[in-house]
C-alpha atoms as a PDB file:
ATOM      1  CA  MET A   1     164.514  93.053 154.077  1.00  0.00           C
ATOM      2  CA  PRO A   2     161.512  95.427 153.922  1.00  0.00           C
ATOM      3  CA  ALA A   3     158.970  95.205 156.673  1.00  0.00           C
ATOM      4  CA  THR A   4     156.013  95.230 154.280  1.00  0.00           C
ATOM      5  CA  VAL A   5     155.242  92.657 151.621  1.00  0.00           C
ATOM      6  CA  PRO A   6     155.832  93.970 148.067  1.00  0.00           C
ATOM      7  CA  ARG A   7     152.707  94.885 146.095  1.00  0.00           C
ATOM      8  CA  TRP A   8     153.405  92.371 143.359  1.00  0.00           C
ATOM      9  CA  ARG A   9     153.609  89.557 145.905  1.00  0.00           C
ATOM     10  CA  ARG A  10     150.285  90.579 147.456  1.00  0.00           C
ATOM     11  CA  ALA A  11     148.751  90.714 144.002  1.00  0.00           C
ATOM     12  CA  VAL A  12     150.033  87.228 143.179  1.00  0.00           C
ATOM     13  CA  THR A  13     148.664  85.902 146.462  1.00  0.00           C
ATOM     14  CA  GLY A  14     145.269  87.491 145.860  1.00  0.00           C
ATOM     15  CA  TRP A  15     144.973  86.192 142.293  1.00  0.00           C
ATOM     16  CA  SER A  16     146.052  82.741 143.480  1.00  0.00           C
ATOM     17  CA  PHE A  17     143.061  82.610 145.794  1.00  0.00           C
ATOM     18  CA  ALA A  18     140.754  84.073 143.141  1.00  0.00           C
ATOM     19  CA  ALA A  19     142.015  81.896 140.279  1.00  0.00           C
ATOM     20  CA  PRO A  20     139.776  78.840 140.876  1.00  0.00           C
ATOM     21  CA  PHE A  21     136.581  80.925 140.967  1.00  0.00           C
ATOM     22  CA  THR A  22     137.760  83.049 138.038  1.00  0.00           C
ATOM     23  CA  ALA A  23     138.407  79.958 135.931  1.00  0.00           C
ATOM     24  CA  LEU A  24     135.019  78.464 136.787  1.00  0.00           C
ATOM     25  CA  PHE A  25     133.298  81.786 136.027  1.00  0.00           C
ATOM     26  CA  LEU A  26     135.021  82.121 132.657  1.00  0.00           C
ATOM     27  CA  VAL A  27     134.277  78.548 131.583  1.00  0.00           C
ATOM     28  CA  PHE A  28     130.759  78.049 132.897  1.00  0.00           C
ATOM     29  CA  ALA A  29     129.331  81.597 132.927  1.00  0.00           C
ATOM     30  CA  LEU A  30     131.073  84.069 130.651  1.00  0.00           C
ATOM     31  CA  LEU A  31     131.916  81.648 127.838  1.00  0.00           C
ATOM     32  CA  PRO A  32     128.309  80.382 127.412  1.00  0.00           C
ATOM     33  CA  VAL A  33     127.027  83.984 127.414  1.00  0.00           C
ATOM     34  CA  VAL A  34     129.466  85.009 124.698  1.00  0.00           C
ATOM     35  CA  ALA A  35     128.758  81.812 122.725  1.00  0.00           C
ATOM     36  CA  SER A  36     124.989  82.411 122.870  1.00  0.00           C
ATOM     37  CA  LEU A  37     125.470  86.004 121.738  1.00  0.00           C
ATOM     38  CA  VAL A  38     127.472  84.821 118.736  1.00  0.00           C
ATOM     39  CA  MET A  39     124.867  82.122 118.140  1.00  0.00           C
ATOM     40  CA  SER A  40     122.087  84.718 117.992  1.00  0.00           C
ATOM     41  CA  VAL A  41     123.572  86.317 114.860  1.00  0.00           C
ATOM     42  CA  THR A  42     123.959  83.024 112.972  1.00  0.00           C
ATOM     43  CA  ASP A  43     121.587  80.530 111.381  1.00  0.00           C
ATOM     44  CA  LEU A  44     122.791  77.702 113.633  1.00  0.00           C
ATOM     45  CA  ARG A  45     120.440  74.729 113.804  1.00  0.00           C
ATOM     46  CA  ALA A  46     120.670  71.273 115.338  1.00  0.00           C
ATOM     47  CA  THR A  47     121.683  69.819 111.954  1.00  0.00           C
ATOM     48  CA  ASP A  48     124.713  72.139 111.827  1.00  0.00           C
ATOM     49  CA  LEU A  49     126.370  70.738 114.965  1.00  0.00           C
ATOM     50  CA  ARG A  50     128.226  68.134 112.909  1.00  0.00           C
ATOM     51  CA  HIS A  51     129.331  70.758 110.389  1.00  0.00           C
ATOM     52  CA  PRO A  52     129.961  74.005 112.327  1.00  0.00           C
ATOM     53  CA  LEU A  53     131.778  75.576 109.378  1.00  0.00           C
ATOM     54  CA  ALA A  54     128.519  75.516 107.425  1.00  0.00           C
ATOM     55  CA  VAL A  55     126.935  78.026 109.795  1.00  0.00           C
ATOM     56  CA  ASN A  56     126.299  81.418 108.191  1.00  0.00           C
ATOM     57  CA  PHE A  57     126.385  84.873 109.707  1.00  0.00           C
ATOM     58  CA  VAL A  58     122.918  86.452 109.390  1.00  0.00           C
ATOM     59  CA  GLY A  59     123.347  89.623 111.436  1.00  0.00           C
ATOM     60  CA  LEU A  60     120.108  90.849 112.986  1.00  0.00           C
ATOM     61  CA  ASP A  61     117.835  88.625 110.885  1.00  0.00           C
ATOM     62  CA  ASN A  62     116.935  86.435 113.855  1.00  0.00           C
ATOM     63  CA  TYR A  63     115.914  89.484 115.885  1.00  0.00           C
ATOM     64  CA  LEU A  64     113.818  90.830 113.016  1.00  0.00           C
ATOM     65  CA  ARG A  65     112.147  87.437 112.612  1.00  0.00           C
ATOM     66  CA  LEU A  66     111.108  87.520 116.246  1.00  0.00           C
ATOM     67  CA  PHE A  67     108.882  90.530 115.837  1.00  0.00           C
ATOM     68  CA  ASP A  68     107.359  89.067 112.679  1.00  0.00           C
ATOM     69  CA  ASP A  69     106.589  85.838 114.531  1.00  0.00           C
ATOM     70  CA  GLN A  70     102.992  85.905 115.742  1.00  0.00           C
ATOM     71  CA  LEU A  71     103.705  83.205 118.318  1.00  0.00           C
ATOM     72  CA  PHE A  72     106.554  85.212 119.862  1.00  0.00           C
ATOM     73  CA  ARG A  73     104.382  88.338 119.987  1.00  0.00           C
ATOM     74  CA  ARG A  74     101.674  86.343 121.763  1.00  0.00           C
ATOM     75  CA  ALA A  75     104.225  85.014 124.245  1.00  0.00           C
ATOM     76  CA  ALA A  76     105.543  88.540 124.847  1.00  0.00           C
ATOM     77  CA  VAL A  77     102.037  89.869 125.526  1.00  0.00           C
ATOM     78  CA  ASN A  78     101.293  86.988 127.905  1.00  0.00           C
ATOM     79  CA  THR A  79     104.537  87.634 129.787  1.00  0.00           C
ATOM     80  CA  LEU A  80     103.814  91.369 129.960  1.00  0.00           C
ATOM     81  CA  ILE A  81     100.338  90.734 131.382  1.00  0.00           C
ATOM     82  CA  PHE A  82     101.791  88.291 133.893  1.00  0.00           C
ATOM     83  CA  VAL A  83     104.346  90.854 135.094  1.00  0.00           C
ATOM     84  CA  VAL A  84     102.049  93.904 135.100  1.00  0.00           C
ATOM     85  CA  ILE A  85      99.377  92.126 137.146  1.00  0.00           C
ATOM     86  CA  GLY A  86     101.436  89.570 139.061  1.00  0.00           C
ATOM     87  CA  VAL A  87     104.134  91.835 140.519  1.00  0.00           C
ATOM     88  CA  PRO A  88     101.745  94.382 142.130  1.00  0.00           C
ATOM     89  CA  LEU A  89      99.445  91.567 143.308  1.00  0.00           C
ATOM     90  CA  THR A  90     102.347  89.763 144.976  1.00  0.00           C
ATOM     91  CA  ILE A  91     103.658  92.932 146.601  1.00  0.00           C
ATOM     92  CA  VAL A  92     100.218  93.920 147.909  1.00  0.00           C
ATOM     93  CA  ALA A  93      99.611  90.437 149.343  1.00  0.00           C
ATOM     94  CA  ALA A  94     103.054  90.409 150.963  1.00  0.00           C
ATOM     95  CA  MET A  95     102.567  93.890 152.392  1.00  0.00           C
ATOM     96  CA  ALA A  96      99.160  92.967 153.830  1.00  0.00           C
ATOM     97  CA  ALA A  97     100.535  89.813 155.452  1.00  0.00           C
ATOM     98  CA  ALA A  98     103.586  91.635 156.843  1.00  0.00           C
ATOM     99  CA  ASN A  99     101.450  94.421 158.300  1.00  0.00           C
ATOM    100  CA  GLY A 100      99.085  91.927 159.868  1.00  0.00           C
ATOM    101  CA  LEU A 101     101.918  90.007 161.491  1.00  0.00           C
ATOM    102  CA  ASN A 102     103.741  93.139 162.599  1.00  0.00           C
ATOM    103  CA  SER A 103     100.683  94.836 164.109  1.00  0.00           C
ATOM    104  CA  GLY A 104      99.705  91.856 166.244  1.00  0.00           C
ATOM    105  CA  LEU A 105      96.284  91.518 164.608  1.00  0.00           C
ATOM    106  CA  ILE A 106      97.112  87.912 163.754  1.00  0.00           C
ATOM    107  CA  ARG A 107      97.578  85.483 166.627  1.00  0.00           C
ATOM    108  CA  LEU A 108      99.992  82.550 166.458  1.00  0.00           C
ATOM    109  CA  ARG A 109     102.312  84.682 164.335  1.00  0.00           C
ATOM    110  CA  GLY A 110     105.043  82.045 164.239  1.00  0.00           C
ATOM    111  CA  LEU A 111     102.654  79.518 162.748  1.00  0.00           C
ATOM    112  CA  PHE A 112     101.468  81.959 160.102  1.00  0.00           C
ATOM    113  CA  ARG A 113     105.028  82.950 159.210  1.00  0.00           C
ATOM    114  CA  VAL A 114     105.886  79.328 158.517  1.00  0.00           C
ATOM    115  CA  GLY A 115     102.621  78.795 156.639  1.00  0.00           C
ATOM    116  CA  PHE A 116     103.073  81.850 154.432  1.00  0.00           C
ATOM    117  CA  TYR A 117     106.700  80.990 153.682  1.00  0.00           C
ATOM    118  CA  LEU A 118     106.225  77.257 153.158  1.00  0.00           C
ATOM    119  CA  PRO A 119     105.180  77.513 149.456  1.00  0.00           C
ATOM    120  CA  VAL A 120     108.416  79.392 148.711  1.00  0.00           C
ATOM    121  CA  VAL A 121     110.604  76.446 149.753  1.00  0.00           C
ATOM    122  CA  THR A 122     108.315  73.836 148.220  1.00  0.00           C
ATOM    123  CA  SER A 123     109.039  72.487 144.745  1.00  0.00           C
ATOM    124  CA  ILE A 124     107.285  74.566 142.106  1.00  0.00           C
ATOM    125  CA  VAL A 125     106.513  71.385 140.176  1.00  0.00           C
ATOM    126  CA  ALA A 126     104.712  69.892 143.170  1.00  0.00           C
ATOM    127  CA  ILE A 127     102.773  73.116 143.746  1.00  0.00           C
ATOM    128  CA  ALA A 128     101.794  73.369 140.088  1.00  0.00           C
ATOM    129  CA  VAL A 129     100.544  69.771 140.070  1.00  0.00           C
ATOM    130  CA  VAL A 130      98.473  70.375 143.219  1.00  0.00           C
ATOM    131  CA  TRP A 131      96.958  73.544 141.773  1.00  0.00           C
ATOM    132  CA  ARG A 132      96.151  71.720 138.554  1.00  0.00           C
ATOM    133  CA  PHE A 133      94.098  69.247 140.586  1.00  0.00           C
ATOM    134  CA  LEU A 134      92.492  72.040 142.615  1.00  0.00           C
ATOM    135  CA  LEU A 135      91.390  73.803 139.421  1.00  0.00           C
ATOM    136  CA  ASP A 136      90.153  70.668 137.687  1.00  0.00           C
ATOM    137  CA  PRO A 137      86.739  71.563 136.206  1.00  0.00           C
ATOM    138  CA  GLU A 138      85.091  68.295 137.277  1.00  0.00           C
ATOM    139  CA  ALA A 139      86.816  67.017 140.430  1.00  0.00           C
ATOM    140  CA  GLY A 140      88.625  70.138 141.656  1.00  0.00           C
ATOM    141  CA  ILE A 141      87.943  71.619 145.081  1.00  0.00           C
ATOM    142  CA  VAL A 142      87.473  75.134 143.712  1.00  0.00           C
ATOM    143  CA  ASN A 143      84.605  74.219 141.395  1.00  0.00           C
ATOM    144  CA  SER A 144      83.142  71.920 144.055  1.00  0.00           C
ATOM    145  CA  LEU A 145      82.929  74.854 146.485  1.00  0.00           C
ATOM    146  CA  LEU A 146      81.438  77.062 143.783  1.00  0.00           C
ATOM    147  CA  ALA A 147      78.877  74.361 142.959  1.00  0.00           C
ATOM    148  CA  ALA A 148      77.895  74.191 146.641  1.00  0.00           C
ATOM    149  CA  ALA A 149      77.147  77.921 146.407  1.00  0.00           C
ATOM    150  CA  GLY A 150      75.106  77.418 143.245  1.00  0.00           C
ATOM    151  CA  ILE A 151      77.792  78.741 140.873  1.00  0.00           C
ATOM    152  CA  ASP A 152      78.890  76.848 137.787  1.00  0.00           C
ATOM    153  CA  GLY A 153      82.682  77.167 137.814  1.00  0.00           C
ATOM    154  CA  PRO A 154      84.638  77.480 134.571  1.00  0.00           C
ATOM    155  CA  ALA A 155      87.327  75.202 133.204  1.00  0.00           C
ATOM    156  CA  TRP A 156      90.053  77.302 134.761  1.00  0.00           C
ATOM    157  CA  LEU A 157      93.083  75.970 132.905  1.00  0.00           C
ATOM    158  CA  GLN A 158      91.279  74.841 129.767  1.00  0.00           C
ATOM    159  CA  ASP A 159      89.622  78.185 128.973  1.00  0.00           C
ATOM    160  CA  PRO A 160      91.820  80.867 127.285  1.00  0.00           C
ATOM    161  CA  ARG A 161      89.970  83.555 129.260  1.00  0.00           C
ATOM    162  CA  THR A 162      90.834  82.127 132.689  1.00  0.00           C
ATOM    163  CA  SER A 163      94.037  80.142 132.163  1.00  0.00           C
ATOM    164  CA  LEU A 164      96.509  83.007 132.483  1.00  0.00           C
ATOM    165  CA  PRO A 165      94.683  84.675 135.437  1.00  0.00           C
ATOM    166  CA  SER A 166      94.703  81.299 137.206  1.00  0.00           C
ATOM    167  CA  ILE A 167      98.475  81.026 136.827  1.00  0.00           C
ATOM    168  CA  ILE A 168      98.915  84.628 137.999  1.00  0.00           C
ATOM    169  CA  VAL A 169      96.962  83.943 141.195  1.00  0.00           C
ATOM    170  CA  MET A 170      98.912  80.745 141.820  1.00  0.00           C
ATOM    171  CA  ALA A 171     102.258  82.503 141.289  1.00  0.00           C
ATOM    172  CA  ALA A 172     101.295  85.363 143.617  1.00  0.00           C
ATOM    173  CA  TRP A 173     100.190  82.871 146.288  1.00  0.00           C
ATOM    174  CA  ARG A 174     103.454  80.967 146.010  1.00  0.00           C
ATOM    175  CA  ASN A 175     105.826  83.939 145.980  1.00  0.00           C
ATOM    176  CA  PHE A 176     104.365  86.473 148.381  1.00  0.00           C
ATOM    177  CA  GLY A 177     105.852  84.612 151.370  1.00  0.00           C
ATOM    178  CA  SER A 178     109.429  85.555 150.501  1.00  0.00           C
ATOM    179  CA  LEU A 179     108.508  89.230 150.136  1.00  0.00           C
ATOM    180  CA  MET A 180     106.531  89.037 153.371  1.00  0.00           C
ATOM    181  CA  VAL A 181     109.700  88.111 155.274  1.00  0.00           C
ATOM    182  CA  ILE A 182     111.577  91.036 153.712  1.00  0.00           C
ATOM    183  CA  PHE A 183     108.759  93.508 154.350  1.00  0.00           C
ATOM    184  CA  LEU A 184     108.307  92.267 157.911  1.00  0.00           C
ATOM    185  CA  ALA A 185     111.978  92.887 158.649  1.00  0.00           C
ATOM    186  CA  ALA A 186     111.667  96.389 157.162  1.00  0.00           C
ATOM    187  CA  LEU A 187     108.563  97.130 159.235  1.00  0.00           C
ATOM    188  CA  GLN A 188     110.275  96.025 162.427  1.00  0.00           C
ATOM    189  CA  GLY A 189     113.127  98.414 161.648  1.00  0.00           C
ATOM    190  CA  ILE A 190     110.868 101.490 161.644  1.00  0.00           C
ATOM    191  CA  PRO A 191     111.061 103.339 164.994  1.00  0.00           C
ATOM    192  CA  HIS A 192     107.784 103.103 166.888  1.00  0.00           C
ATOM    193  CA  ASP A 193     108.261 106.680 168.112  1.00  0.00           C
ATOM    194  CA  LEU A 194     107.339 107.947 164.651  1.00  0.00           C
ATOM    195  CA  TYR A 195     103.919 106.301 164.830  1.00  0.00           C
ATOM    196  CA  GLU A 196     103.353 107.623 168.353  1.00  0.00           C
ATOM    197  CA  ALA A 197     104.196 111.165 167.257  1.00  0.00           C
ATOM    198  CA  ALA A 198     101.909 110.847 164.225  1.00  0.00           C
ATOM    199  CA  THR A 199      99.083 109.577 166.428  1.00  0.00           C
ATOM    200  CA  LEU A 200      99.481 112.579 168.743  1.00  0.00           C
ATOM    201  CA  ASP A 201      99.302 114.833 165.687  1.00  0.00           C
ATOM    202  CA  GLY A 202      95.980 113.252 164.733  1.00  0.00           C
ATOM    203  CA  ALA A 203      97.169 111.100 161.829  1.00  0.00           C
ATOM    204  CA  GLY A 204      95.048 108.039 161.104  1.00  0.00           C
ATOM    205  CA  ARG A 205      96.270 104.571 160.155  1.00  0.00           C
ATOM    206  CA  TRP A 206      96.114 105.260 156.430  1.00  0.00           C
ATOM    207  CA  GLN A 207      97.998 108.565 156.806  1.00  0.00           C
ATOM    208  CA  GLN A 208     100.651 106.843 158.918  1.00  0.00           C
ATOM    209  CA  PHE A 209     100.979 104.097 156.324  1.00  0.00           C
ATOM    210  CA  GLN A 210     101.220 106.625 153.496  1.00  0.00           C
ATOM    211  CA  ARG A 211     103.537 109.141 155.183  1.00  0.00           C
ATOM    212  CA  ILE A 212     105.719 106.918 157.377  1.00  0.00           C
ATOM    213  CA  THR A 213     105.569 103.253 156.401  1.00  0.00           C
ATOM    214  CA  LEU A 214     105.837 103.495 152.618  1.00  0.00           C
ATOM    215  CA  PRO A 215     108.676 106.078 152.476  1.00  0.00           C
ATOM    216  CA  LEU A 216     110.784 104.192 155.033  1.00  0.00           C
ATOM    217  CA  MET A 217     110.114 100.876 153.301  1.00  0.00           C
ATOM    218  CA  ARG A 218     111.146 102.133 149.875  1.00  0.00           C
ATOM    219  CA  PRO A 219     114.448 100.155 149.779  1.00  0.00           C
ATOM    220  CA  ALA A 220     112.619  96.945 150.715  1.00  0.00           C
ATOM    221  CA  LEU A 221     109.887  97.658 148.170  1.00  0.00           C
ATOM    222  CA  LEU A 222     112.497  98.302 145.492  1.00  0.00           C
ATOM    223  CA  PHE A 223     114.302  95.057 146.252  1.00  0.00           C
ATOM    224  CA  GLY A 224     111.062  93.078 146.287  1.00  0.00           C
ATOM    225  CA  ALA A 225     109.827  94.623 143.051  1.00  0.00           C
ATOM    226  CA  VAL A 226     113.110  93.979 141.238  1.00  0.00           C
ATOM    227  CA  ILE A 227     113.544  90.337 142.235  1.00  0.00           C
ATOM    228  CA  THR A 228     109.858  89.582 141.661  1.00  0.00           C
ATOM    229  CA  GLY A 229     109.849  91.296 138.273  1.00  0.00           C
ATOM    230  CA  ILE A 230     112.962  89.421 137.157  1.00  0.00           C
ATOM    231  CA  GLY A 231     111.467  86.124 138.281  1.00  0.00           C
ATOM    232  CA  TYR A 232     108.095  86.762 136.639  1.00  0.00           C
ATOM    233  CA  LEU A 233     109.669  87.774 133.329  1.00  0.00           C
ATOM    234  CA  GLN A 234     111.244  84.306 133.300  1.00  0.00           C
ATOM    235  CA  LEU A 235     107.881  82.551 133.743  1.00  0.00           C
ATOM    236  CA  PHE A 236     108.421  78.931 132.721  1.00  0.00           C
ATOM    237  CA  GLU A 237     107.667  76.153 135.209  1.00  0.00           C
ATOM    238  CA  GLU A 238     104.018  77.027 135.829  1.00  0.00           C
ATOM    239  CA  PRO A 239     102.824  76.847 132.202  1.00  0.00           C
ATOM    240  CA  LEU A 240     105.117  73.891 131.515  1.00  0.00           C
ATOM    241  CA  VAL A 241     103.508  71.782 134.240  1.00  0.00           C
ATOM    242  CA  MET A 242      99.964  73.141 134.296  1.00  0.00           C
ATOM    243  CA  THR A 243      99.010  74.010 130.702  1.00  0.00           C
ATOM    244  CA  GLN A 244     101.947  73.288 128.364  1.00  0.00           C
ATOM    245  CA  GLY A 245     101.470  76.831 127.050  1.00  0.00           C
ATOM    246  CA  GLY A 246      97.830  76.319 126.113  1.00  0.00           C
ATOM    247  CA  PRO A 247      95.019  76.555 125.518  1.00  0.00           C
ATOM    248  CA  LEU A 248      95.543  78.342 122.207  1.00  0.00           C
ATOM    249  CA  SER A 249      98.907  79.684 123.462  1.00  0.00           C
ATOM    250  CA  SER A 250      97.105  81.735 126.128  1.00  0.00           C
ATOM    251  CA  THR A 251      99.742  80.846 128.744  1.00  0.00           C
ATOM    252  CA  LEU A 252     102.776  80.659 126.470  1.00  0.00           C
ATOM    253  CA  SER A 253     105.602  82.753 127.949  1.00  0.00           C
ATOM    254  CA  VAL A 254     108.777  84.018 126.318  1.00  0.00           C
ATOM    255  CA  SER A 255     110.929  81.601 128.327  1.00  0.00           C
ATOM    256  CA  TYR A 256     108.685  78.697 127.359  1.00  0.00           C
ATOM    257  CA  HIS A 257     108.828  79.790 123.716  1.00  0.00           C
ATOM    258  CA  VAL A 258     112.631  79.899 123.901  1.00  0.00           C
ATOM    259  CA  TYR A 259     112.615  76.420 125.437  1.00  0.00           C
ATOM    260  CA  ASN A 260     110.462  75.119 122.593  1.00  0.00           C
ATOM    261  CA  GLN A 261     112.681  76.672 119.935  1.00  0.00           C
ATOM    262  CA  PHE A 262     115.783  75.092 121.447  1.00  0.00           C
ATOM    263  CA  GLY A 263     113.904  71.792 121.443  1.00  0.00           C
ATOM    264  CA  PHE A 264     113.064  72.260 117.776  1.00  0.00           C
ATOM    265  CA  GLY A 265     116.756  72.847 117.023  1.00  0.00           C
ATOM    266  CA  ASN A 266     116.414  76.538 116.110  1.00  0.00           C
ATOM    267  CA  TYR A 267     119.442  77.527 118.162  1.00  0.00           C
ATOM    268  CA  GLY A 268     120.172  80.896 116.562  1.00  0.00           C
ATOM    269  CA  TYR A 269     116.543  81.992 116.722  1.00  0.00           C
ATOM    270  CA  ALA A 270     116.178  80.829 120.333  1.00  0.00           C
ATOM    271  CA  ALA A 271     119.373  82.631 121.376  1.00  0.00           C
ATOM    272  CA  ALA A 272     118.068  85.857 119.848  1.00  0.00           C
ATOM    273  CA  ALA A 273     114.810  85.490 121.788  1.00  0.00           C
ATOM    274  CA  SER A 274     116.823  84.954 124.968  1.00  0.00           C
ATOM    275  CA  TYR A 275     118.659  88.228 124.492  1.00  0.00           C
ATOM    276  CA  VAL A 276     115.427  90.085 123.832  1.00  0.00           C
ATOM    277  CA  LEU A 277     114.206  88.736 127.175  1.00  0.00           C
ATOM    278  CA  PHE A 278     117.477  89.851 128.773  1.00  0.00           C
ATOM    279  CA  VAL A 279     116.968  93.394 127.468  1.00  0.00           C
ATOM    280  CA  ALA A 280     113.405  93.366 128.832  1.00  0.00           C
ATOM    281  CA  ILE A 281     114.700  92.341 132.275  1.00  0.00           C
ATOM    282  CA  VAL A 282     117.254  95.160 132.268  1.00  0.00           C
ATOM    283  CA  ALA A 283     114.635  97.695 131.112  1.00  0.00           C
ATOM    284  CA  LEU A 284     112.170  96.631 133.810  1.00  0.00           C
ATOM    285  CA  SER A 285     114.846  96.832 136.501  1.00  0.00           C
ATOM    286  CA  VAL A 286     115.873 100.321 135.383  1.00  0.00           C
ATOM    287  CA  LEU A 287     112.222 101.432 135.394  1.00  0.00           C
ATOM    288  CA  GLN A 288     111.717 100.085 138.907  1.00  0.00           C
ATOM    289  CA  PHE A 289     114.842 101.851 140.141  1.00  0.00           C
ATOM    290  CA  ARG A 290     113.531 105.084 138.640  1.00  0.00           C
ATOM    291  CA  LEU A 291     110.112 104.703 140.274  1.00  0.00           C
ATOM    292  CA  LEU A 292     111.131 103.290 143.672  1.00  0.00           C
ATOM    293  CA  GLY A 293     114.733 104.428 144.030  1.00  0.00           C
ATOM    294  CA  SER A 294     115.902 106.847 146.689  1.00  0.00           C
ATOM    295  CA  ARG A 295     114.762 110.445 146.363  1.00  0.00           C
ATOM    296  CA  ASN A 296     116.057 113.611 147.902  1.00  0.00           C
ATOM    297  CA  ASP A 297     112.686 115.295 148.274  1.00  0.00           C
END
């Protein structure tokens, strides 16, 4: 009898352990993805569920309809603005908080760490409801403080000019805590000797931050930018709870538009919009890897 176990027996043993997860993945992950892809090239509607054989293949018609749909274009622009402004704002806020905690400028650092991270683990629905009350034009705390300073505050969530910026600020406030933890860990991993040598060479704080901190934190910045960008492209809960996509579709996002189309029974059209969003997520991730990925210079 050979001393080693035959390869085929090891393979059978390995697949036996992997079979339950593989089956769950195929049924609940891969199969719905393939089904939605097939759905996106058909004219499937809610009325066709009883008669699936009546569904017609329409090719790329659903995708072409998307870019002729003014409402989808508005949702795409809103989502783009949210990502372009929200991702850098969140990263800058997280970097500032991490630097403050790491440098010792902030006392009671443990308390501030918990306070900064607390919104991340709090229900987004609860946070959105609280912010909706805070931004209430008549009884909200924000406008009350502005009125005490002699400033007439706007209707933050009811005005198309301020509704989307209000949601961007709220999202940045809620999400910068998770990036702060990541950036703080990256900062603590930078050898202090590098800063001491730079100080002896006459480098100021900004030069040290630019020449030492940012290059060594590039992997953490890349990770934070990618996960934040993916999350912000899927903006949904905030407008759902706070504005229902209004006013005048000023806070309508692509995910919210897809949700509405599924609710209306336009399954093929909604599936096509979902795959357009998927392509946008992949493109943004590739762009971020190009900009923040490792370099050999």
